[in-house]
Structures are given as structure tokens and as C-alpha cells.
Amino acid sequence: MDGNEMDLRWLGWAQRLQAIAQAGLTYSKDVYDIERFEELRDISVQIMSAYTDLPKERVKLLFAGETGYATPKVDVRGVVFREDRILLVRETMDGLWSIPGGWADIGYSPGEIAVKEVKEESGFDVRPVRLLAVLDRDRHDHPPHANYVYKLFLLCELQGGEAQTGTETTGVGFFGEDELPPLSTDRVTEAQIKLFFRKMREGDITTTFD
């Protein structure tokens, strides 16, 4: 186990404790069991808050807002190329650049989410073509996150529209592999973008997954 894996073991522990507590609070009827699971959830909140810059109340709100059996959240992103350049948007929240996308919405298929997110964040109309990658967020070089997340990257074909920012973006552009702007690593990493460039360059139609 290398240093980075050692350093992030706390994240897996906190997420697992939260999942156990959430399931216990959902299915337990005994008042004493409920108290124990609430204490367990509080421990997971303390761990997460201690190792991140998130205040305890913010972490508690994130955890307490989840009910039922804990499952991964799903992040869907639309990968769009034009003349060997990739579409990126500048995020309002941190001023850094990312592939358009966001949390999966109930009632939409992954392809529909990719189309919607690309349109809302960049102004372009696209058509989903194929699934490039399904990645476990914690197994890649992203900052720690309270939720356990699966990331879906869908290759999308440019159909029309024009560059236009949305409520969550302040910039839109196409970038070459060697001219990437500062990235919002909470959403996408340089290694992931380079993987997509390689797939396009080599005609690789396989899906990468963890």
C-alpha cells in the first residue's frame, strides 16, 4: 500500500460508517439501536470534518439528508470533441474547468442527462454515442468527497448550438490535449481527459471501468 492509499483510508472508513448508520436508522425499530446508529453516524461526521475543510454541520446535513439503504451517487458527464479538441466549461463555484456534467436526475436516462448538462452548461446540442468510462471516484486523483460516487463519462457527438454559459458556468471553450486550462479536479482529472484523447486517437471503442 503506497502513501496516498494510507492517507485516504480514513475516507473509506467514514463512508462505510455512514452507510452502516444510514441502513441501521432506516430499518431499526428499537430505540436503543437507533441511538447507537445515530452515534455511529456522528462518529463518521467527526472523521469527515476532521480530515476536510467542511464544517461538522455541513457534513451532518449531507449525511442526514440521505435515507434508506446507502448506495453510490452517480455523476454523469458529456465528453464532446471538435477537431481534436475537447469541450470544457469553467465552473462558477471554483473558477476552474471541467467536462460538462453533474449529478444524475431521477426520471432521466444517463444519455438524457449528458445531453441536458452539456446544453445547460455550454450551449451546445449533442447526441450521446457511447459510454467511455465508468469510474469509482475514490480510486482516482480527486479530492475527498463525503459521498461515495460513480462517474459516468459518455461520448457525445456535436449537433449544433453555440457557446453560451449557464447558471453554473462562466466560460466555454474547446482545448487541445497539450493546452488544458486549470482543471476542477473535484469533477475531472487530467488523467481522465488524456484517457479520452487516447481513446479518440486510437479508435478505442471499449468502456474503461474500475
C-alpha atoms as a PDB file:
ATOM      1  CA  MET A   1       0.000   0.000   0.000  1.00  0.00           C
ATOM      2  CA  ASP A   2       1.507   3.348  -1.025  1.00  0.00           C
ATOM      3  CA  GLY A   3       1.403   6.630   0.908  1.00  0.00           C
ATOM      4  CA  ASN A   4      -1.623   8.025  -0.876  1.00  0.00           C
ATOM      5  CA  GLU A   5      -3.670   4.903  -0.160  1.00  0.00           C
ATOM      6  CA  MET A   6      -2.646   5.080   3.506  1.00  0.00           C
ATOM      7  CA  ASP A   7      -3.561   8.754   3.699  1.00  0.00           C
ATOM      8  CA  LEU A   8      -7.071   8.196   2.320  1.00  0.00           C
ATOM      9  CA  ARG A   9      -8.078   5.126   4.322  1.00  0.00           C
ATOM     10  CA  TRP A  10      -9.990   7.451   6.650  1.00  0.00           C
ATOM     11  CA  LEU A  11     -12.292   8.390   3.769  1.00  0.00           C
ATOM     12  CA  GLY A  12     -13.374   4.800   3.182  1.00  0.00           C
ATOM     13  CA  TRP A  13     -13.876   4.275   6.913  1.00  0.00           C
ATOM     14  CA  ALA A  14     -16.054   7.381   7.233  1.00  0.00           C
ATOM     15  CA  GLN A  15     -18.135   6.470   4.182  1.00  0.00           C
ATOM     16  CA  ARG A  16     -18.611   2.890   5.400  1.00  0.00           C
ATOM     17  CA  LEU A  17     -19.601   4.019   8.896  1.00  0.00           C
ATOM     18  CA  GLN A  18     -22.115   6.399   7.361  1.00  0.00           C
ATOM     19  CA  ALA A  19     -23.561   3.632   5.162  1.00  0.00           C
ATOM     20  CA  ILE A  20     -23.961   1.273   8.141  1.00  0.00           C
ATOM     21  CA  ALA A  21     -25.534   4.019  10.253  1.00  0.00           C
ATOM     22  CA  GLN A  22     -27.919   5.030   7.483  1.00  0.00           C
ATOM     23  CA  ALA A  23     -29.103   1.460   6.942  1.00  0.00           C
ATOM     24  CA  GLY A  24     -29.489   0.961  10.692  1.00  0.00           C
ATOM     25  CA  LEU A  25     -31.539   4.131  11.102  1.00  0.00           C
ATOM     26  CA  THR A  26     -33.742   3.044   8.201  1.00  0.00           C
ATOM     27  CA  TYR A  27     -34.543  -0.475   9.343  1.00  0.00           C
ATOM     28  CA  SER A  28     -34.162  -0.431  13.149  1.00  0.00           C
ATOM     29  CA  LYS A  29     -37.228  -0.210  15.399  1.00  0.00           C
ATOM     30  CA  ASP A  30     -35.585  -0.475  18.816  1.00  0.00           C
ATOM     31  CA  VAL A  31     -34.993   2.952  20.377  1.00  0.00           C
ATOM     32  CA  TYR A  32     -31.615   1.883  21.806  1.00  0.00           C
ATOM     33  CA  ASP A  33     -30.415   0.592  18.434  1.00  0.00           C
ATOM     34  CA  ILE A  34     -31.483   3.874  16.851  1.00  0.00           C
ATOM     35  CA  GLU A  35     -29.449   5.794  19.423  1.00  0.00           C
ATOM     36  CA  ARG A  36     -26.393   3.650  18.670  1.00  0.00           C
ATOM     37  CA  PHE A  37     -26.718   4.178  14.913  1.00  0.00           C
ATOM     38  CA  GLU A  38     -27.115   7.928  15.440  1.00  0.00           C
ATOM     39  CA  GLU A  39     -23.898   7.852  17.486  1.00  0.00           C
ATOM     40  CA  LEU A  40     -22.202   5.871  14.722  1.00  0.00           C
ATOM     41  CA  ARG A  41     -23.275   8.469  12.162  1.00  0.00           C
ATOM     42  CA  ASP A  42     -21.936  11.233  14.404  1.00  0.00           C
ATOM     43  CA  ILE A  43     -18.560   9.471  14.511  1.00  0.00           C
ATOM     44  CA  SER A  44     -18.489   9.364  10.698  1.00  0.00           C
ATOM     45  CA  VAL A  45     -19.301  13.092  10.634  1.00  0.00           C
ATOM     46  CA  GLN A  46     -16.440  13.832  13.035  1.00  0.00           C
ATOM     47  CA  ILE A  47     -13.978  11.825  10.921  1.00  0.00           C
ATOM     48  CA  MET A  48     -15.039  13.538   7.689  1.00  0.00           C
ATOM     49  CA  SER A  49     -14.936  17.005   9.243  1.00  0.00           C
ATOM     50  CA  ALA A  50     -11.542  16.408  10.873  1.00  0.00           C
ATOM     51  CA  TYR A  51      -9.854  15.461   7.588  1.00  0.00           C
ATOM     52  CA  THR A  52     -11.537  18.006   5.297  1.00  0.00           C
ATOM     53  CA  ASP A  53     -12.299  21.713   5.385  1.00  0.00           C
ATOM     54  CA  LEU A  54     -16.032  21.002   5.709  1.00  0.00           C
ATOM     55  CA  PRO A  55     -17.654  22.158   8.975  1.00  0.00           C
ATOM     56  CA  LYS A  56     -19.368  19.465  11.042  1.00  0.00           C
ATOM     57  CA  GLU A  57     -22.842  20.900  10.481  1.00  0.00           C
ATOM     58  CA  ARG A  58     -22.337  20.820   6.705  1.00  0.00           C
ATOM     59  CA  VAL A  59     -21.186  17.188   6.788  1.00  0.00           C
ATOM     60  CA  LYS A  60     -24.038  16.250   9.115  1.00  0.00           C
ATOM     61  CA  LEU A  61     -26.533  17.861   6.750  1.00  0.00           C
ATOM     62  CA  LEU A  62     -25.090  15.895   3.823  1.00  0.00           C
ATOM     63  CA  PHE A  63     -25.274  12.631   5.729  1.00  0.00           C
ATOM     64  CA  ALA A  64     -28.609  13.219   7.483  1.00  0.00           C
ATOM     65  CA  GLY A  65     -30.245  14.103   4.159  1.00  0.00           C
ATOM     66  CA  GLU A  66     -29.728  10.543   2.915  1.00  0.00           C
ATOM     67  CA  THR A  67     -32.278   7.897   3.831  1.00  0.00           C
ATOM     68  CA  GLY A  68     -32.782   4.230   3.006  1.00  0.00           C
ATOM     69  CA  TYR A  69     -30.042   1.780   2.117  1.00  0.00           C
ATOM     70  CA  ALA A  70     -26.888   3.726   1.210  1.00  0.00           C
ATOM     71  CA  THR A  71     -25.854   3.452  -2.447  1.00  0.00           C
ATOM     72  CA  PRO A  72     -23.321   5.409  -4.554  1.00  0.00           C
ATOM     73  CA  LYS A  73     -24.363   8.704  -6.099  1.00  0.00           C
ATOM     74  CA  VAL A  74     -23.950   8.963  -9.872  1.00  0.00           C
ATOM     75  CA  ASP A  75     -22.142  11.791 -11.682  1.00  0.00           C
ATOM     76  CA  VAL A  76     -22.760  11.921 -15.463  1.00  0.00           C
ATOM     77  CA  ARG A  77     -20.544  13.914 -17.855  1.00  0.00           C
ATOM     78  CA  GLY A  78     -20.749  14.505 -21.594  1.00  0.00           C
ATOM     79  CA  VAL A  79     -17.425  14.258 -23.460  1.00  0.00           C
ATOM     80  CA  VAL A  80     -17.536  16.307 -26.675  1.00  0.00           C
ATOM     81  CA  PHE A  81     -14.750  16.632 -29.273  1.00  0.00           C
ATOM     82  CA  ARG A  82     -14.413  19.057 -32.167  1.00  0.00           C
ATOM     83  CA  GLU A  83     -11.371  18.875 -34.459  1.00  0.00           C
ATOM     84  CA  ASP A  84      -9.222  17.028 -31.891  1.00  0.00           C
ATOM     85  CA  ARG A  85     -10.168  19.457 -29.126  1.00  0.00           C
ATOM     86  CA  ILE A  86     -12.318  18.700 -26.094  1.00  0.00           C
ATOM     87  CA  LEU A  87     -15.199  20.808 -24.790  1.00  0.00           C
ATOM     88  CA  LEU A  88     -14.649  22.215 -21.291  1.00  0.00           C
ATOM     89  CA  VAL A  89     -16.655  24.662 -19.195  1.00  0.00           C
ATOM     90  CA  ARG A  90     -15.453  26.949 -16.403  1.00  0.00           C
ATOM     91  CA  GLU A  91     -17.333  26.236 -13.185  1.00  0.00           C
ATOM     92  CA  THR A  92     -18.900  29.136 -11.292  1.00  0.00           C
ATOM     93  CA  MET A  93     -18.214  27.514  -7.911  1.00  0.00           C
ATOM     94  CA  ASP A  94     -14.419  27.348  -8.135  1.00  0.00           C
ATOM     95  CA  GLY A  95     -13.464  29.179 -11.353  1.00  0.00           C
ATOM     96  CA  LEU A  96     -11.810  26.044 -12.737  1.00  0.00           C
ATOM     97  CA  TRP A  97     -12.553  23.991 -15.851  1.00  0.00           C
ATOM     98  CA  SER A  98     -14.386  20.701 -16.246  1.00  0.00           C
ATOM     99  CA  ILE A  99     -16.184  18.416 -18.675  1.00  0.00           C
ATOM    100  CA  PRO A 100     -19.892  19.415 -18.618  1.00  0.00           C
ATOM    101  CA  GLY A 101     -21.997  17.297 -16.297  1.00  0.00           C
ATOM    102  CA  GLY A 102     -23.466  16.803 -12.843  1.00  0.00           C
ATOM    103  CA  TRP A 103     -25.497  14.560 -10.575  1.00  0.00           C
ATOM    104  CA  ALA A 104     -27.887  12.108 -12.206  1.00  0.00           C
ATOM    105  CA  ASP A 105     -31.510  13.271 -12.030  1.00  0.00           C
ATOM    106  CA  ILE A 106     -34.393  10.889 -11.374  1.00  0.00           C
ATOM    107  CA  GLY A 107     -36.546  10.437 -14.481  1.00  0.00           C
ATOM    108  CA  TYR A 108     -33.681  10.884 -16.943  1.00  0.00           C
ATOM    109  CA  SER A 109     -31.541   8.216 -18.578  1.00  0.00           C
ATOM    110  CA  PRO A 110     -27.745   8.687 -18.458  1.00  0.00           C
ATOM    111  CA  GLY A 111     -27.786   9.754 -22.122  1.00  0.00           C
ATOM    112  CA  GLU A 112     -30.522  12.297 -21.493  1.00  0.00           C
ATOM    113  CA  ILE A 113     -28.622  13.713 -18.533  1.00  0.00           C
ATOM    114  CA  ALA A 114     -25.461  14.132 -20.618  1.00  0.00           C
ATOM    115  CA  VAL A 115     -27.416  15.964 -23.343  1.00  0.00           C
ATOM    116  CA  LYS A 116     -29.150  18.200 -20.797  1.00  0.00           C
ATOM    117  CA  GLU A 117     -25.994  19.064 -18.871  1.00  0.00           C
ATOM    118  CA  VAL A 118     -23.969  19.875 -21.996  1.00  0.00           C
ATOM    119  CA  LYS A 119     -26.762  22.149 -23.265  1.00  0.00           C
ATOM    120  CA  GLU A 120     -27.282  23.919 -19.938  1.00  0.00           C
ATOM    121  CA  GLU A 121     -23.586  24.433 -19.213  1.00  0.00           C
ATOM    122  CA  SER A 122     -22.146  25.112 -22.683  1.00  0.00           C
ATOM    123  CA  GLY A 123     -24.999  25.980 -25.068  1.00  0.00           C
ATOM    124  CA  PHE A 124     -24.198  23.129 -27.467  1.00  0.00           C
ATOM    125  CA  ASP A 125     -26.611  20.467 -28.733  1.00  0.00           C
ATOM    126  CA  VAL A 126     -25.223  16.934 -28.656  1.00  0.00           C
ATOM    127  CA  ARG A 127     -26.214  13.318 -29.212  1.00  0.00           C
ATOM    128  CA  PRO A 128     -24.916  10.570 -26.898  1.00  0.00           C
ATOM    129  CA  VAL A 129     -22.885   7.978 -28.799  1.00  0.00           C
ATOM    130  CA  ARG A 130     -21.309   5.532 -26.351  1.00  0.00           C
ATOM    131  CA  LEU A 131     -20.084   5.026 -22.802  1.00  0.00           C
ATOM    132  CA  LEU A 132     -16.390   5.855 -22.476  1.00  0.00           C
ATOM    133  CA  ALA A 133     -15.827   5.090 -18.808  1.00  0.00           C
ATOM    134  CA  VAL A 134     -17.462   4.150 -15.504  1.00  0.00           C
ATOM    135  CA  LEU A 135     -15.116   5.144 -12.687  1.00  0.00           C
ATOM    136  CA  ASP A 136     -15.109   4.850  -8.909  1.00  0.00           C
ATOM    137  CA  ARG A 137     -14.339   8.403  -7.802  1.00  0.00           C
ATOM    138  CA  ASP A 138     -12.325   7.286  -4.769  1.00  0.00           C
ATOM    139  CA  ARG A 139      -9.939   5.272  -6.968  1.00  0.00           C
ATOM    140  CA  HIS A 140      -8.794   8.332  -8.910  1.00  0.00           C
ATOM    141  CA  ASP A 141      -6.957  11.515  -8.057  1.00  0.00           C
ATOM    142  CA  HIS A 142      -9.956  13.541  -6.863  1.00  0.00           C
ATOM    143  CA  PRO A 143     -10.164  15.476  -3.589  1.00  0.00           C
ATOM    144  CA  PRO A 144     -12.030  13.651  -0.782  1.00  0.00           C
ATOM    145  CA  HIS A 145     -15.836  13.758  -1.010  1.00  0.00           C
ATOM    146  CA  ALA A 146     -18.453  12.950   1.624  1.00  0.00           C
ATOM    147  CA  ASN A 147     -20.434  10.776  -0.782  1.00  0.00           C
ATOM    148  CA  TYR A 148     -19.308   7.594  -2.486  1.00  0.00           C
ATOM    149  CA  VAL A 149     -19.575   8.383  -6.206  1.00  0.00           C
ATOM    150  CA  TYR A 150     -19.580   6.557  -9.539  1.00  0.00           C
ATOM    151  CA  LYS A 151     -18.617   8.748 -12.510  1.00  0.00           C
ATOM    152  CA  LEU A 152     -20.098   8.029 -15.963  1.00  0.00           C
ATOM    153  CA  PHE A 153     -18.414   9.639 -18.992  1.00  0.00           C
ATOM    154  CA  LEU A 154     -20.458   9.488 -22.213  1.00  0.00           C
ATOM    155  CA  LEU A 155     -19.002  10.369 -25.605  1.00  0.00           C
ATOM    156  CA  CYS A 156     -21.371  12.834 -27.272  1.00  0.00           C
ATOM    157  CA  GLU A 157     -21.488  13.967 -30.904  1.00  0.00           C
ATOM    158  CA  LEU A 158     -21.752  17.693 -31.550  1.00  0.00           C
ATOM    159  CA  GLN A 159     -25.018  18.501 -33.359  1.00  0.00           C
ATOM    160  CA  GLY A 160     -25.319  22.272 -33.238  1.00  0.00           C
ATOM    161  CA  GLY A 161     -25.815  25.242 -30.950  1.00  0.00           C
ATOM    162  CA  GLU A 162     -23.240  27.831 -29.962  1.00  0.00           C
ATOM    163  CA  ALA A 163     -21.059  28.569 -26.974  1.00  0.00           C
ATOM    164  CA  GLN A 164     -23.145  30.031 -24.162  1.00  0.00           C
ATOM    165  CA  THR A 165     -22.596  29.976 -20.409  1.00  0.00           C
ATOM    166  CA  GLY A 166     -25.280  28.886 -17.963  1.00  0.00           C
ATOM    167  CA  THR A 167     -26.110  29.476 -14.321  1.00  0.00           C
ATOM    168  CA  GLU A 168     -23.297  27.127 -13.238  1.00  0.00           C
ATOM    169  CA  THR A 169     -20.634  28.181 -15.748  1.00  0.00           C
ATOM    170  CA  THR A 170     -18.690  31.323 -16.617  1.00  0.00           C
ATOM    171  CA  GLY A 171     -16.737  30.110 -19.656  1.00  0.00           C
ATOM    172  CA  VAL A 172     -16.934  27.685 -22.577  1.00  0.00           C
ATOM    173  CA  GLY A 173     -14.138  26.507 -24.867  1.00  0.00           C
ATOM    174  CA  PHE A 174     -12.513  23.680 -26.822  1.00  0.00           C
ATOM    175  CA  PHE A 175      -8.975  22.738 -25.789  1.00  0.00           C
ATOM    176  CA  GLY A 176      -6.201  20.571 -27.223  1.00  0.00           C
ATOM    177  CA  GLU A 177      -4.599  17.814 -25.165  1.00  0.00           C
ATOM    178  CA  ASP A 178      -1.489  19.888 -24.502  1.00  0.00           C
ATOM    179  CA  GLU A 179      -3.267  23.161 -23.735  1.00  0.00           C
ATOM    180  CA  LEU A 180      -5.640  22.209 -20.939  1.00  0.00           C
ATOM    181  CA  PRO A 181      -6.632  25.036 -18.559  1.00  0.00           C
ATOM    182  CA  PRO A 182      -6.565  24.660 -14.749  1.00  0.00           C
ATOM    183  CA  LEU A 183      -8.957  21.799 -14.006  1.00  0.00           C
ATOM    184  CA  SER A 184     -11.641  21.415 -11.345  1.00  0.00           C
ATOM    185  CA  THR A 185     -10.266  18.145 -10.007  1.00  0.00           C
ATOM    186  CA  ASP A 186     -13.349  17.684  -7.852  1.00  0.00           C
ATOM    187  CA  ARG A 187     -15.102  16.932 -11.174  1.00  0.00           C
ATOM    188  CA  VAL A 188     -12.482  15.648 -13.621  1.00  0.00           C
ATOM    189  CA  THR A 189      -8.756  14.899 -13.638  1.00  0.00           C
ATOM    190  CA  GLU A 190      -6.092  15.445 -16.277  1.00  0.00           C
ATOM    191  CA  ALA A 191      -5.517  11.682 -16.454  1.00  0.00           C
ATOM    192  CA  GLN A 192      -9.188  11.118 -17.293  1.00  0.00           C
ATOM    193  CA  ILE A 193      -9.151  13.733 -20.056  1.00  0.00           C
ATOM    194  CA  LYS A 194      -5.957  12.264 -21.506  1.00  0.00           C
ATOM    195  CA  LEU A 195      -7.631   8.832 -21.455  1.00  0.00           C
ATOM    196  CA  PHE A 196     -10.451  10.204 -23.622  1.00  0.00           C
ATOM    197  CA  PHE A 197      -7.993  11.811 -26.037  1.00  0.00           C
ATOM    198  CA  ARG A 198      -6.200   8.474 -26.347  1.00  0.00           C
ATOM    199  CA  LYS A 199      -9.438   6.614 -26.993  1.00  0.00           C
ATOM    200  CA  MET A 200     -10.353   9.046 -29.763  1.00  0.00           C
ATOM    201  CA  ARG A 201      -6.852   8.965 -31.279  1.00  0.00           C
ATOM    202  CA  GLU A 202      -6.641   5.166 -31.308  1.00  0.00           C
ATOM    203  CA  GLY A 203     -10.272   4.469 -32.184  1.00  0.00           C
ATOM    204  CA  ASP A 204     -10.697   2.558 -28.915  1.00  0.00           C
ATOM    205  CA  ILE A 205     -14.409   1.752 -28.532  1.00  0.00           C
ATOM    206  CA  THR A 206     -14.109  -0.210 -25.282  1.00  0.00           C
ATOM    207  CA  THR A 207     -15.514   1.076 -21.993  1.00  0.00           C
ATOM    208  CA  THR A 208     -12.981   1.701 -19.226  1.00  0.00           C
ATOM    209  CA  PHE A 209     -14.199   0.708 -15.762  1.00  0.00           C
ATOM    210  CA  ASP A 210     -12.808   0.062 -12.282  1.00  0.00           C
END
